[in-house]
Amino acid sequence: MGKNPLAERMAEKKQTANDVAGVTAENTHGQRKELEPELKKITASKAELEKRFDLLSKLVASPESLTQDEEIYQQLVKLIRSDFLRLCANIGIPGESALYNDLLILLGDLRDLMEFPYLANKNILAVGGGFSAGKSRFINSILGKDQFLPEGNLPTTAIPTYLTTADKEEIRALNTFNRLQELNHDELQSISHVFNTGQNVKNIKISFCHILKQIEIRTPHFKWSNIALLDTPGYSKPSAENQAVQEGMDAGNTDEEKAREHLSLADHLLWVISVHDGTFQQSDIAFLHDKVKWERPIYILINRCDDKPLNQVKQVFERVEEDVQEAGFKLAGISAYSAAKAKVYCGDDPKTWFNEIDGKRKLTHWRKRFKAIFEKIIHSNAEAEEQLKVLNNSLKPVFMKDDLLKPEQRNALQTTMREMERKCKVQEEAKKQFINFNEKVENLVEKLLKQINVQDETASDVGIKGEFRAKTPDELLGKNKDDIFEGVVKSLMKAMGFCYIECDAFKDLIRIKYPELLSHYTEPDKYFAVGKKVSLKLYDIDMKNETITFTVTPK
C-alpha cells in the first residue's frame, strides 16, 4: 500500500510541534532556575516588609480604654484644671499663674511616672559615653549574657532603654500615645538594629526615636533590685561610613541632645571610654561640664583593655585618672576593663559600686511636692487674715473714743472696719476651701501611687516621727518645713506607749509613739531617757487637722 502524503505531512508537523515544545520546556526550566534566587529574595523581602509593618502597627497603636490608674489621673487633672481655677477666681492669689503652671508641670511629671512606675523607687544609673565606646557590650558583660542588648558599630541606642530586675523576662515599649506594648526579644533587636540598617530590604531604614519614648527590659539576669540601668545613646557623631544611617532619621533630635536629656534623669553616672583613646578626651569633658552639667561623682570605665598589653593599659589608666581630677570631677571609681572578657585589669570593680548603690533605698516625694504649692496659698490666706485682724483690732480703740472723731470720720472708719471684717471672713473661708482642696488632691495622689505601687516618703522613712497638735491655728503660723528646733525628753512612758518631748517654741508637748522608737532603735531608753536632748526637724504641717509632724533625732 502506498504512502499517504497527507498523513506524512501531518506526522512531520506533529514532530516539529513536539520538538518546539521540548525546546520551550527546556528553555523555561532553565529560565526558572536562573530566576529562582531572585524570586527567593523577593519573597523574603515581602515577608520582611510584612513583619516590619506588623511591628509598626503594633507600636503606634493608641489606647483602647482607660485603665484604673488613668481614671484616677483624669480625676486629678479635672480637679486642678477646673476646681483650682474656680477657687482662685473667688479671691486674689499672689502669683496665681505661676502656681497653676507649677501644678501643670507636676501633672506632666506624674503622667511620666505612670508609664514606668517600676522606675520610681529605683536609683537611676546611666551608662554614657561617646559613640562606639562599648556601652551596650559593657552592660551585656555585667548581665553575663552575650547580645542581650544589641551591639555593633551603628548608632542603635536612639531610645532610652532601662534595665531592671524581675523573676521573668519582660520587654515593654512606651509609644507616643502613652501606650505600653509587650515585645519579644526579636522585636527588640528589630527596633534597635535591623530597622536602622535597612537589613534585607534595600533603602528601607526606619528610626523609632519619634515613635517610641522609652523601652524597659525586666530580666532575672540583672541582679540589683534598687537600680535601674539606663543605656543612653553615644553623644558624639558616628564614623563617616555610618553617618548616612542616621541622616534624615533624627532631624531635630540629635545624638547629643538625646544623650543630654537621658543623662539628666540619672542619679549616678558610669562613663565609658575606649582604651584606644588614651585619655579622657576634651570632647567628653566639655559635654559633661557644659551640656549635662554633671556635678556629682562619676565612675570611669576604660573599656576594650584586652586589646592592649597590660603595661600600656596601666599607663592609660593613670593618665585618665589624672585627666578626670584635672577636669574637676569627683571620682566614684575607675576601672580598666574588658567587656569582651568581663574582666577588670586594674582599678575598681564596677559591680562593687553597683552593690553600694543598690543598698540605698529611693523614695518619691509626690505628696510633698503637691502640698508645697497649696501651702503657699494657705499660708498667704492665713497671713492676710491675721494682718486684717490685727489692723481691725488696732482701729477699735480709736473708734470707741467719741471725742477723737467727727461723725463723718466715725462713719468712714466704721465702713472701713466692716469691710476689713468682710475681707477677713473671705480669707478665712478661702483658707478652708484650699485646705479641703489640698486634701482632695492629696487623697487622689495617694490613691494613684498605691494603684501603681510607688512608695512615697513619710516622716518615718527619714527618721523618728513626732507629732505636735496645736490648740489654735495661730500656733502654726510662722513655722516652715525644714525648720530646726531643740527639744528635751520630758517623759518616756513605755506602759502608755508614748515618749513626750518639750520644746520652747511650742506650747504643748510633742508626742512620739513608743513603737516608732523601737522601729529605729533596739534600746530606745538609752537615747530617749528623761532629760536627753533631741533635734526636731519640721517635716510637714497639716493645716486642716492643725498638726505638725517632725523627724526627731537624739543628740
Protein backbone atom coordinates (compact mmCIF):
# COMPACT_ATOMS: atom_id res chain seq x y z
CA MET A 1 0.00 0.00 0.00
CA GLY A 2 1.48 3.40 -0.95
CA LYS A 3 2.39 6.21 1.46
CA ASN A 4 -0.25 8.77 2.25
CA PRO A 5 1.28 12.22 1.53
CA LEU A 6 -1.28 13.92 3.81
CA ALA A 7 -0.53 11.60 6.74
CA GLU A 8 3.21 12.15 6.28
CA ARG A 9 2.81 15.93 6.37
CA MET A 10 0.66 15.65 9.48
CA ALA A 11 3.26 13.46 11.17
CA GLU A 12 6.04 15.92 10.26
CA LYS A 13 4.06 18.82 11.72
CA LYS A 14 3.38 16.85 14.91
CA GLN A 15 7.08 16.01 15.29
CA THR A 16 8.01 19.64 14.68
CA ALA A 17 5.49 20.73 17.33
CA ASN A 18 6.89 18.19 19.78
CA ASP A 19 10.41 19.38 19.08
CA VAL A 20 9.41 23.02 19.64
CA ALA A 21 7.56 22.11 22.84
CA GLY A 22 10.60 20.23 24.07
CA VAL A 23 12.91 23.14 23.39
CA THR A 24 10.45 25.61 25.01
CA ALA A 25 10.08 23.44 28.09
CA GLU A 26 13.82 23.11 28.33
CA ASN A 27 14.28 26.87 27.97
CA THR A 28 11.53 27.62 30.53
CA HIS A 29 13.08 25.24 33.04
CA GLY A 30 16.45 26.90 32.54
CA GLN A 31 15.00 30.38 32.92
CA ARG A 32 13.13 29.31 36.07
CA LYS A 33 16.38 28.05 37.59
CA GLU A 34 18.08 31.33 36.78
CA LEU A 35 15.21 33.34 38.37
CA GLU A 36 14.82 31.21 41.49
CA PRO A 37 17.41 33.15 43.60
CA GLU A 38 15.78 36.45 42.64
CA LEU A 39 12.30 35.06 43.39
CA LYS A 40 13.51 33.91 46.81
CA LYS A 41 14.90 37.38 47.52
CA ILE A 42 11.60 38.99 46.54
CA THR A 43 9.64 36.54 48.70
CA ALA A 44 12.00 37.14 51.65
CA SER A 45 11.76 40.91 51.17
CA LYS A 46 7.98 40.70 51.06
CA ALA A 47 7.94 38.67 54.30
CA GLU A 48 10.37 41.11 55.94
CA LEU A 49 8.24 44.08 54.92
CA GLU A 50 5.12 42.41 56.29
CA LYS A 51 6.94 41.67 59.54
CA ARG A 52 8.04 45.29 59.87
CA PHE A 53 4.62 46.60 59.01
CA ASP A 54 3.06 44.40 61.69
CA LEU A 55 5.56 45.64 64.28
CA LEU A 56 5.00 49.27 63.30
CA SER A 57 1.23 48.80 63.55
CA LYS A 58 1.65 47.29 66.99
CA LEU A 59 3.92 50.07 68.23
CA VAL A 60 1.81 53.02 67.06
CA ALA A 61 -1.49 51.66 68.39
CA SER A 62 -3.44 54.13 70.55
CA PRO A 63 -5.11 53.22 73.86
CA GLU A 64 -8.44 51.40 73.56
CA SER A 65 -9.83 52.24 77.02
CA LEU A 66 -8.85 53.94 80.27
CA THR A 67 -7.11 51.87 82.90
CA GLN A 68 -7.92 52.35 86.59
CA ASP A 69 -4.82 54.44 87.21
CA GLU A 70 -5.67 56.53 84.13
CA GLU A 71 -9.16 57.18 85.53
CA ILE A 72 -7.67 58.40 88.82
CA TYR A 73 -5.24 60.61 86.92
CA GLN A 74 -8.05 62.14 84.85
CA GLN A 75 -9.94 62.94 88.07
CA LEU A 76 -6.84 64.75 89.31
CA VAL A 77 -6.48 66.65 86.04
CA LYS A 78 -10.11 67.78 86.19
CA LEU A 79 -9.73 68.84 89.81
CA ILE A 80 -6.74 71.05 89.05
CA ARG A 81 -7.77 72.41 85.65
CA SER A 82 -11.32 73.21 86.74
CA ASP A 83 -11.77 73.46 90.51
CA PHE A 84 -8.43 75.13 91.21
CA LEU A 85 -9.10 77.94 88.75
CA ARG A 86 -12.60 78.35 90.13
CA LEU A 87 -11.25 78.72 93.66
CA CYS A 88 -8.63 81.21 92.53
CA ALA A 89 -11.31 83.28 90.79
CA ASN A 90 -13.04 83.86 94.15
CA ILE A 91 -10.02 85.54 95.76
CA GLY A 92 -6.81 87.18 94.56
CA ILE A 93 -3.90 84.77 94.98
CA PRO A 94 -0.35 86.21 94.73
CA GLY A 95 1.48 84.52 91.87
CA GLU A 96 -1.63 82.58 90.80
CA SER A 97 -0.39 81.96 87.22
CA ALA A 98 2.99 80.68 88.38
CA LEU A 99 1.36 78.34 90.92
CA TYR A 100 -1.04 76.98 88.30
CA ASN A 101 1.85 76.43 85.92
CA ASP A 102 3.72 74.55 88.68
CA LEU A 103 0.69 72.30 89.11
CA LEU A 104 0.55 71.58 85.36
CA ILE A 105 4.26 70.66 85.38
CA LEU A 106 3.61 68.32 88.30
CA LEU A 107 0.74 66.71 86.39
CA GLY A 108 3.08 66.13 83.45
CA ASP A 109 5.71 64.59 85.72
CA LEU A 110 3.05 62.37 87.28
CA ARG A 111 1.98 61.22 83.82
CA ASP A 112 5.59 60.21 83.09
CA LEU A 113 5.68 58.29 86.38
CA MET A 114 2.58 56.30 85.42
CA GLU A 115 4.19 54.91 82.28
CA PHE A 116 7.03 53.12 84.09
CA PRO A 117 6.22 53.18 87.81
CA TYR A 118 8.85 50.46 88.38
CA LEU A 119 11.49 53.15 87.94
CA ALA A 120 10.09 55.48 90.63
CA ASN A 121 11.81 53.77 93.57
CA LYS A 122 14.94 52.82 91.65
CA ASN A 123 18.33 54.54 91.68
CA ILE A 124 18.82 55.52 88.03
CA LEU A 125 22.34 54.56 86.98
CA ALA A 126 23.11 55.84 83.50
CA VAL A 127 25.77 54.34 81.26
CA GLY A 128 27.08 57.08 78.97
CA GLY A 129 29.98 57.74 76.63
CA GLY A 130 30.93 58.62 73.09
CA PHE A 131 29.79 56.77 70.00
CA SER A 132 31.00 53.14 69.86
CA ALA A 133 32.67 53.30 73.31
CA GLY A 134 31.19 49.88 74.09
CA LYS A 135 28.35 50.85 76.44
CA SER A 136 25.95 48.10 75.38
CA ARG A 137 28.71 45.50 75.38
CA PHE A 138 29.65 46.51 78.94
CA ILE A 139 26.03 46.10 80.06
CA ASN A 140 25.86 42.68 78.40
CA SER A 141 29.05 41.70 80.24
CA ILE A 142 27.64 42.51 83.69
CA LEU A 143 24.43 40.69 82.78
CA GLY A 144 26.54 37.68 81.86
CA LYS A 145 24.60 37.26 78.62
CA ASP A 146 26.04 37.95 75.15
CA GLN A 147 23.98 40.04 72.75
CA PHE A 148 21.21 40.65 75.27
CA LEU A 149 21.33 44.30 74.19
CA PRO A 150 22.15 44.90 70.52
CA GLU A 151 25.83 45.58 69.83
CA GLY A 152 27.62 46.85 66.78
CA ASN A 153 29.19 49.85 65.12
CA LEU A 154 25.92 51.57 64.32
CA PRO A 155 24.03 54.17 66.40
CA THR A 156 21.41 51.74 67.69
CA THR A 157 20.55 53.13 71.15
CA ALA A 158 18.40 56.05 69.99
CA ILE A 159 15.69 55.22 72.53
CA PRO A 160 16.41 55.29 76.28
CA THR A 161 16.46 51.69 77.48
CA TYR A 162 16.06 50.83 81.15
CA LEU A 163 17.07 47.50 82.67
CA THR A 164 15.57 46.35 85.97
CA THR A 165 15.40 43.06 87.81
CA ALA A 166 12.44 40.67 87.68
CA ASP A 167 11.66 36.99 88.19
CA LYS A 168 10.94 36.53 84.49
CA GLU A 169 11.88 38.42 81.36
CA GLU A 170 9.55 41.15 80.14
CA ILE A 171 10.16 43.80 77.47
CA ARG A 172 7.83 46.77 77.04
CA ALA A 173 7.92 49.86 74.85
CA LEU A 174 6.11 53.14 75.51
CA ASN A 175 4.84 54.85 72.35
CA THR A 176 3.96 58.49 71.73
CA PHE A 177 0.31 57.76 72.59
CA ASN A 178 1.45 56.71 76.10
CA ARG A 179 0.52 53.12 75.41
CA LEU A 180 2.70 50.26 76.62
CA GLN A 181 3.30 47.40 74.21
CA GLU A 182 4.74 44.00 75.08
CA LEU A 183 7.69 42.98 72.89
CA ASN A 184 9.71 39.83 72.42
CA HIS A 185 13.49 39.75 72.08
CA ASP A 186 13.41 39.53 68.27
CA GLU A 187 11.24 42.65 68.11
CA LEU A 188 13.65 44.46 70.42
CA GLN A 189 16.51 43.55 68.09
CA SER A 190 14.46 44.83 65.13
CA ILE A 191 13.78 48.15 66.82
CA SER A 192 17.36 48.64 67.92
CA HIS A 193 19.31 47.41 64.94
CA VAL A 194 17.74 45.75 61.89
CA PHE A 195 15.31 48.57 61.10
CA ASN A 196 18.00 51.20 61.36
CA THR A 197 20.38 49.41 58.99
CA GLY A 198 17.81 48.51 56.35
CA GLN A 199 18.99 44.91 56.54
CA ASN A 200 17.44 42.56 53.91
CA VAL A 201 15.39 45.32 52.34
CA LYS A 202 17.38 47.80 50.33
CA ASN A 203 16.96 51.51 51.11
CA ILE A 204 14.32 50.92 53.79
CA LYS A 205 15.56 52.46 57.03
CA ILE A 206 13.21 53.37 59.86
CA SER A 207 14.07 55.22 63.06
CA PHE A 208 11.87 54.58 66.08
CA CYS A 209 13.03 57.52 68.18
CA HIS A 210 9.99 59.55 67.02
CA ILE A 211 7.57 56.66 67.63
CA LEU A 212 8.79 55.34 70.98
CA LYS A 213 9.54 57.28 74.15
CA GLN A 214 11.43 54.58 76.01
CA ILE A 215 11.92 50.85 76.48
CA GLU A 216 12.07 48.86 79.69
CA ILE A 217 13.63 45.43 79.96
CA ARG A 218 12.90 43.46 83.12
CA THR A 219 15.11 40.42 83.44
CA PRO A 220 16.41 38.00 86.07
CA HIS A 221 19.89 38.49 84.56
CA PHE A 222 20.01 41.94 86.22
CA LYS A 223 20.71 41.27 89.90
CA TRP A 224 20.29 44.70 91.56
CA SER A 225 16.78 45.30 92.91
CA ASN A 226 17.19 49.02 93.76
CA ILE A 227 18.87 50.03 90.49
CA ALA A 228 17.50 50.84 87.04
CA LEU A 229 20.33 50.80 84.50
CA LEU A 230 19.85 53.35 81.72
CA ASP A 231 21.56 52.65 78.39
CA THR A 232 21.99 56.00 76.61
CA PRO A 233 22.94 56.93 73.03
CA GLY A 234 26.51 57.95 72.27
CA TYR A 235 26.59 61.75 72.30
CA SER A 236 29.32 62.01 69.62
CA LYS A 237 28.92 61.52 65.88
CA PRO A 238 29.46 58.05 64.36
CA SER A 239 32.14 57.41 61.75
CA ALA A 240 31.62 58.79 58.24
CA GLU A 241 30.60 55.41 56.82
CA ASN A 242 27.82 55.06 59.40
CA GLN A 243 26.76 58.69 59.41
CA ALA A 244 24.47 58.08 56.45
CA VAL A 245 22.44 55.65 58.50
CA GLN A 246 21.32 58.48 60.75
CA GLU A 247 20.91 61.27 58.23
CA GLY A 248 17.28 62.10 57.68
CA MET A 249 16.11 59.87 60.53
CA ASP A 250 16.79 62.13 63.51
CA ALA A 251 16.22 65.62 62.21
CA GLY A 252 15.87 67.97 65.15
CA ASN A 253 16.69 65.13 67.53
CA THR A 254 20.49 64.87 67.61
CA ASP A 255 22.56 62.27 69.43
CA GLU A 256 24.00 64.97 71.68
CA GLU A 257 20.60 66.30 72.68
CA LYS A 258 19.18 62.82 73.27
CA ALA A 259 22.18 61.84 75.38
CA ARG A 260 21.95 65.07 77.42
CA GLU A 261 18.24 64.56 78.02
CA HIS A 262 18.70 60.95 79.12
CA LEU A 263 21.68 61.64 81.39
CA SER A 264 19.82 64.46 83.15
CA LEU A 265 17.43 61.79 84.52
CA ALA A 266 20.23 59.88 86.25
CA ASP A 267 21.14 59.69 89.92
CA HIS A 268 24.52 58.11 89.12
CA LEU A 269 26.73 58.08 86.04
CA LEU A 270 29.15 55.50 84.66
CA TRP A 271 31.13 56.94 81.74
CA VAL A 272 32.64 54.52 79.22
CA ILE A 273 35.74 55.42 77.21
CA SER A 274 37.92 53.26 74.97
CA VAL A 275 41.48 52.36 75.96
CA HIS A 276 42.37 53.30 72.36
CA ASP A 277 41.55 56.95 73.14
CA GLY A 278 44.46 57.02 75.58
CA THR A 279 42.94 59.91 77.57
CA PHE A 280 39.72 61.30 78.99
CA GLN A 281 39.03 63.32 75.88
CA GLN A 282 38.29 67.04 75.96
CA SER A 283 35.08 66.49 73.99
CA ASP A 284 33.80 64.21 76.78
CA ILE A 285 34.81 66.73 79.45
CA ALA A 286 33.13 69.61 77.60
CA PHE A 287 29.94 67.61 77.07
CA LEU A 288 29.66 66.61 80.73
CA HIS A 289 30.54 70.07 82.03
CA ASP A 290 28.71 72.32 79.56
CA LYS A 291 25.80 70.23 78.31
CA VAL A 292 24.93 67.74 81.05
CA LYS A 293 26.29 70.00 83.84
CA TRP A 294 27.18 66.91 85.87
CA GLU A 295 28.34 67.83 89.39
CA ARG A 296 28.06 64.52 91.25
CA PRO A 297 30.74 61.80 91.45
CA ILE A 298 31.37 59.96 88.20
CA TYR A 299 32.56 56.38 87.60
CA ILE A 300 35.01 56.00 84.72
CA LEU A 301 35.24 52.67 82.89
CA ILE A 302 38.11 52.27 80.42
CA ASN A 303 36.84 49.59 78.05
CA ARG A 304 38.43 47.23 75.50
CA CYS A 305 41.56 46.74 77.64
CA ASP A 306 42.03 43.25 76.20
CA ASP A 307 43.22 44.98 73.00
CA LYS A 308 46.45 46.26 74.62
CA PRO A 309 49.32 44.90 76.74
CA LEU A 310 48.89 45.33 80.50
CA ASN A 311 51.70 47.90 80.83
CA GLN A 312 50.01 50.14 78.24
CA VAL A 313 46.65 49.65 79.95
CA LYS A 314 48.15 50.86 83.24
CA GLN A 315 49.64 53.91 81.53
CA VAL A 316 46.25 54.84 80.07
CA PHE A 317 44.61 54.18 83.47
CA GLU A 318 46.96 56.63 85.24
CA ARG A 319 46.58 59.23 82.51
CA VAL A 320 42.76 59.06 82.58
CA GLU A 321 42.72 59.27 86.38
CA GLU A 322 44.78 62.48 86.20
CA ASP A 323 42.57 63.88 83.43
CA VAL A 324 39.41 63.34 85.47
CA GLN A 325 40.84 65.09 88.52
CA GLU A 326 42.22 67.98 86.47
CA ALA A 327 38.78 68.38 84.85
CA GLY A 328 37.30 68.92 88.32
CA PHE A 329 35.22 65.75 88.54
CA LYS A 330 34.98 63.74 91.73
CA LEU A 331 35.60 60.05 91.10
CA ALA A 332 33.12 57.45 92.30
CA GLY A 333 35.52 54.82 90.95
CA ILE A 334 37.66 53.95 87.94
CA SER A 335 38.23 50.62 86.17
CA ALA A 336 40.39 49.30 83.37
CA TYR A 337 38.01 46.73 81.94
CA SER A 338 37.31 44.33 79.12
CA ALA A 339 33.64 43.91 78.29
CA ALA A 340 34.53 41.11 75.87
CA LYS A 341 36.08 39.09 78.71
CA ALA A 342 34.08 40.62 81.62
CA LYS A 343 37.41 41.23 83.35
CA VAL A 344 38.85 44.05 85.50
CA TYR A 345 42.54 44.61 84.64
CA CYS A 346 43.21 47.23 87.30
CA GLY A 347 41.33 49.67 89.50
CA ASP A 348 37.87 49.21 90.98
CA ASP A 349 35.30 46.53 90.24
CA PRO A 350 32.14 48.22 88.85
CA LYS A 351 29.96 45.53 90.45
CA THR A 352 31.17 46.64 93.90
CA TRP A 353 29.95 50.16 93.11
CA PHE A 354 26.65 48.74 91.88
CA ASN A 355 26.27 46.91 95.19
CA GLU A 356 26.84 50.14 97.16
CA ILE A 357 24.15 51.96 95.17
CA ASP A 358 21.79 49.02 95.48
CA GLY A 359 21.95 49.36 99.27
CA LYS A 360 20.30 52.80 99.11
CA ARG A 361 16.52 52.93 99.20
CA LYS A 362 14.93 55.59 96.98
CA LEU A 363 11.55 57.12 97.82
CA THR A 364 9.42 59.64 95.94
CA HIS A 365 8.04 62.96 97.24
CA TRP A 366 4.84 63.40 95.25
CA ARG A 367 2.53 64.35 98.12
CA LYS A 368 5.08 66.82 99.45
CA ARG A 369 5.52 68.40 96.00
CA PHE A 370 1.78 68.95 95.54
CA LYS A 371 1.30 70.06 99.13
CA ALA A 372 4.14 72.60 98.91
CA ILE A 373 2.19 74.50 96.23
CA PHE A 374 -1.06 74.61 98.21
CA GLU A 375 0.76 75.55 101.40
CA LYS A 376 1.97 78.74 99.74
CA ILE A 377 -1.67 79.67 99.11
CA ILE A 378 -2.91 78.55 102.53
CA HIS A 379 -0.15 80.45 104.35
CA SER A 380 -0.82 83.51 102.21
CA ASN A 381 -4.52 83.37 103.18
CA ALA A 382 -3.68 82.87 106.85
CA GLU A 383 -1.22 85.76 106.91
CA ALA A 384 -3.64 88.09 105.10
CA GLU A 385 -6.38 87.11 107.54
CA GLU A 386 -4.10 87.73 110.53
CA GLN A 387 -2.99 91.12 109.20
CA LEU A 388 -6.62 92.20 108.74
CA LYS A 389 -7.47 91.08 112.28
CA VAL A 390 -4.52 92.99 113.76
CA LEU A 391 -5.38 96.11 111.82
CA ASN A 392 -9.07 95.88 112.72
CA ASN A 393 -8.27 95.39 116.41
CA SER A 394 -5.91 98.37 116.30
CA LEU A 395 -8.69 100.62 114.98
CA LYS A 396 -11.26 99.59 117.59
CA PRO A 397 -9.85 101.77 120.42
CA VAL A 398 -9.88 104.77 118.10
CA PHE A 399 -13.47 104.05 117.10
CA MET A 400 -14.56 103.76 120.74
CA LYS A 401 -13.34 107.26 121.66
CA ASP A 402 -16.11 109.71 120.76
CA ASP A 403 -14.01 112.84 121.25
CA LEU A 404 -11.36 111.89 118.69
CA LEU A 405 -13.51 111.64 115.58
CA LYS A 406 -16.12 113.71 113.84
CA PRO A 407 -19.36 111.91 112.87
CA GLU A 408 -18.37 111.58 109.22
CA GLN A 409 -14.95 110.22 110.25
CA ARG A 410 -16.59 107.68 112.54
CA ASN A 411 -18.88 106.57 109.74
CA ALA A 412 -15.97 106.24 107.31
CA LEU A 413 -13.94 104.31 109.89
CA GLN A 414 -16.86 102.03 110.68
CA THR A 415 -17.33 101.30 106.99
CA THR A 416 -13.62 100.51 106.65
CA MET A 417 -13.67 98.21 109.68
CA ARG A 418 -16.73 96.36 108.38
CA GLU A 419 -15.01 95.93 105.01
CA MET A 420 -11.92 94.53 106.77
CA GLU A 421 -14.12 92.12 108.72
CA ARG A 422 -15.73 91.01 105.46
CA LYS A 423 -12.34 90.51 103.80
CA CYS A 424 -11.14 88.67 106.88
CA LYS A 425 -14.05 86.24 106.57
CA VAL A 426 -13.35 85.84 102.84
CA GLN A 427 -9.71 84.98 103.57
CA GLU A 428 -10.74 82.55 106.30
CA GLU A 429 -13.24 80.83 104.01
CA ALA A 430 -10.70 80.71 101.16
CA LYS A 431 -8.15 79.15 103.51
CA LYS A 432 -10.64 76.44 104.49
CA GLN A 433 -11.53 75.77 100.86
CA PHE A 434 -7.89 75.42 99.84
CA ILE A 435 -7.20 73.14 102.82
CA ASN A 436 -10.08 70.92 101.70
CA PHE A 437 -8.94 71.13 98.09
CA ASN A 438 -5.40 70.13 99.09
CA GLU A 439 -6.84 67.14 100.95
CA LYS A 440 -8.75 66.02 97.83
CA VAL A 441 -5.64 66.31 95.69
CA GLU A 442 -3.51 64.51 98.28
CA ASN A 443 -6.04 61.66 98.54
CA LEU A 444 -6.10 61.22 94.76
CA VAL A 445 -2.30 61.29 94.54
CA GLU A 446 -2.06 58.74 97.35
CA LYS A 447 -4.68 56.56 95.66
CA LEU A 448 -2.81 56.75 92.35
CA LEU A 449 0.56 55.93 93.93
CA LYS A 450 -0.99 52.94 95.67
CA GLN A 451 -2.55 51.78 92.39
CA ILE A 452 0.77 51.85 90.55
CA ASN A 453 2.71 50.53 93.57
CA VAL A 454 5.00 53.53 94.13
CA GLN A 455 6.38 54.17 97.63
CA ASP A 456 6.18 57.82 98.64
CA GLU A 457 8.27 59.12 101.51
CA THR A 458 6.82 59.50 105.02
CA ALA A 459 8.35 61.03 108.16
CA SER A 460 9.12 57.54 109.48
CA ASP A 461 11.21 56.81 106.38
CA VAL A 462 13.66 59.61 107.14
CA GLY A 463 13.69 59.45 110.93
CA ILE A 464 11.61 59.06 114.07
CA LYS A 465 8.17 60.58 113.61
CA GLY A 466 6.98 63.03 116.27
CA GLU A 467 3.66 64.92 116.26
CA PHE A 468 2.52 68.21 117.75
CA ARG A 469 -1.18 69.07 117.89
CA ALA A 470 -1.92 72.81 118.05
CA LYS A 471 -4.72 74.17 120.22
CA THR A 472 -5.28 77.14 117.91
CA PRO A 473 -4.40 77.72 114.22
CA ASP A 474 -2.22 80.66 115.27
CA GLU A 475 0.36 78.24 116.67
CA LEU A 476 1.05 77.03 113.12
CA LEU A 477 1.84 80.49 111.77
CA GLY A 478 5.48 81.36 111.19
CA LYS A 479 6.51 77.69 111.07
CA ASN A 480 8.04 76.31 107.89
CA LYS A 481 9.21 72.95 106.59
CA ASP A 482 12.80 72.04 107.44
CA ASP A 483 12.87 74.44 110.40
CA ILE A 484 15.13 73.02 113.16
CA PHE A 485 14.21 73.18 116.88
CA GLU A 486 15.87 71.98 120.07
CA GLY A 487 13.92 69.73 122.43
CA VAL A 488 14.30 67.76 125.66
CA VAL A 489 12.76 64.40 126.58
CA LYS A 490 10.12 65.18 129.21
CA SER A 491 8.91 61.64 129.85
CA LEU A 492 9.18 58.11 128.46
CA MET A 493 6.05 56.11 129.27
CA LYS A 494 6.55 52.64 127.83
CA ALA A 495 3.41 51.28 129.51
CA MET A 496 1.30 54.02 127.90
CA GLY A 497 3.21 53.66 124.62
CA PHE A 498 4.45 57.25 124.29
CA CYS A 499 7.51 59.46 124.62
CA TYR A 500 6.95 63.20 125.17
CA ILE A 501 9.31 65.99 124.05
CA GLU A 502 9.29 69.54 125.39
CA CYS A 503 10.26 72.42 123.09
CA ASP A 504 10.21 76.14 123.98
CA ALA A 505 8.85 77.04 120.53
CA PHE A 506 5.59 75.16 121.18
CA LYS A 507 3.07 75.48 123.99
CA ASP A 508 2.24 71.79 124.20
CA LEU A 509 4.37 68.62 124.22
CA ILE A 510 5.45 66.76 121.09
CA ARG A 511 4.43 63.11 121.11
CA ILE A 512 6.29 60.08 119.77
CA LYS A 513 4.73 56.62 119.72
CA TYR A 514 6.95 54.11 121.51
CA PRO A 515 6.72 51.52 118.65
CA GLU A 516 8.16 54.26 116.42
CA LEU A 517 11.24 54.36 118.65
CA LEU A 518 11.53 50.57 118.59
CA SER A 519 11.47 50.56 114.78
CA HIS A 520 14.70 52.61 114.79
CA TYR A 521 16.48 51.58 117.99
CA THR A 522 16.79 48.20 119.71
CA GLU A 523 17.29 50.02 123.04
CA PRO A 524 15.45 53.36 122.75
CA ASP A 525 15.74 54.02 126.51
CA LYS A 526 19.43 54.85 126.05
CA TYR A 527 18.72 57.62 123.57
CA PHE A 528 15.37 58.92 124.84
CA ALA A 529 15.84 58.88 128.60
CA VAL A 530 14.31 61.81 130.53
CA GLY A 531 16.46 64.92 130.17
CA LYS A 532 18.14 63.80 126.92
CA LYS A 533 18.39 66.50 124.24
CA VAL A 534 16.92 65.93 120.76
CA SER A 535 16.81 67.77 117.44
CA LEU A 536 13.39 68.39 115.88
CA LYS A 537 13.15 68.95 112.11
CA LEU A 538 9.78 70.14 110.86
CA TYR A 539 8.65 67.64 108.23
CA ASP A 540 5.03 68.56 107.50
CA ILE A 541 2.22 70.93 108.52
CA ASP A 542 -1.38 69.73 108.36
CA MET A 543 -3.48 72.89 108.37
CA LYS A 544 -6.80 71.06 108.39
CA ASN A 545 -6.04 68.92 111.46
CA GLU A 546 -3.80 71.64 112.92
CA THR A 547 -0.85 69.31 113.48
CA ILE A 548 2.89 69.46 112.80
CA THR A 549 4.97 66.38 112.03
CA PHE A 550 8.65 66.28 112.98
CA THR A 551 11.55 63.95 112.42
CA VAL A 552 13.26 63.55 115.78
CA THR A 553 16.97 62.79 116.19
CA PRO A 554 18.66 62.16 119.55
CA LYS A 555 21.80 64.22 120.26
